């Protein structure tokens, strides 16, 4: 896996978790 791909995936996951926690 690419470093960029992993960071993007993690960022998307963090965004989703933050939205769900609201």
C-alpha atoms as a PDB file:
ATOM      1  CA  UNK A   1       0.000   0.000   0.000  1.00  0.00           C
ATOM      2  CA  UNK A   2       1.139   3.520  -0.713  1.00  0.00           C
ATOM      3  CA  UNK A   3       1.861   5.914   2.128  1.00  0.00           C
ATOM      4  CA  UNK A   4      -0.470   8.435   0.504  1.00  0.00           C
ATOM      5  CA  UNK A   5      -3.260   5.900   0.143  1.00  0.00           C
ATOM      6  CA  UNK A   6      -2.978   4.896   3.785  1.00  0.00           C
ATOM      7  CA  UNK A   7      -3.001   8.490   5.016  1.00  0.00           C
ATOM      8  CA  UNK A   8      -6.013   9.320   2.860  1.00  0.00           C
ATOM      9  CA  UNK A   9      -7.836   6.213   4.088  1.00  0.00           C
ATOM     10  CA  UNK A  10      -7.076   7.072   7.718  1.00  0.00           C
ATOM     11  CA  UNK A  11      -8.193  10.666   7.186  1.00  0.00           C
ATOM     12  CA  UNK A  12     -11.503   9.502   5.722  1.00  0.00           C
ATOM     13  CA  UNK A  13     -11.995   7.104   8.636  1.00  0.00           C
ATOM     14  CA  UNK A  14     -11.273   9.882  11.151  1.00  0.00           C
ATOM     15  CA  UNK A  15     -13.762  12.156   9.372  1.00  0.00           C
ATOM     16  CA  UNK A  16     -16.449   9.460   9.490  1.00  0.00           C
ATOM     17  CA  UNK A  17     -15.803   8.709  13.154  1.00  0.00           C
ATOM     18  CA  UNK A  18     -15.934  12.395  14.039  1.00  0.00           C
ATOM     19  CA  UNK A  19     -19.236  12.809  12.189  1.00  0.00           C
ATOM     20  CA  UNK A  20     -20.674   9.725  13.883  1.00  0.00           C
ATOM     21  CA  UNK A  21     -19.617  10.979  17.316  1.00  0.00           C
ATOM     22  CA  UNK A  22     -21.619  14.200  16.853  1.00  0.00           C
END
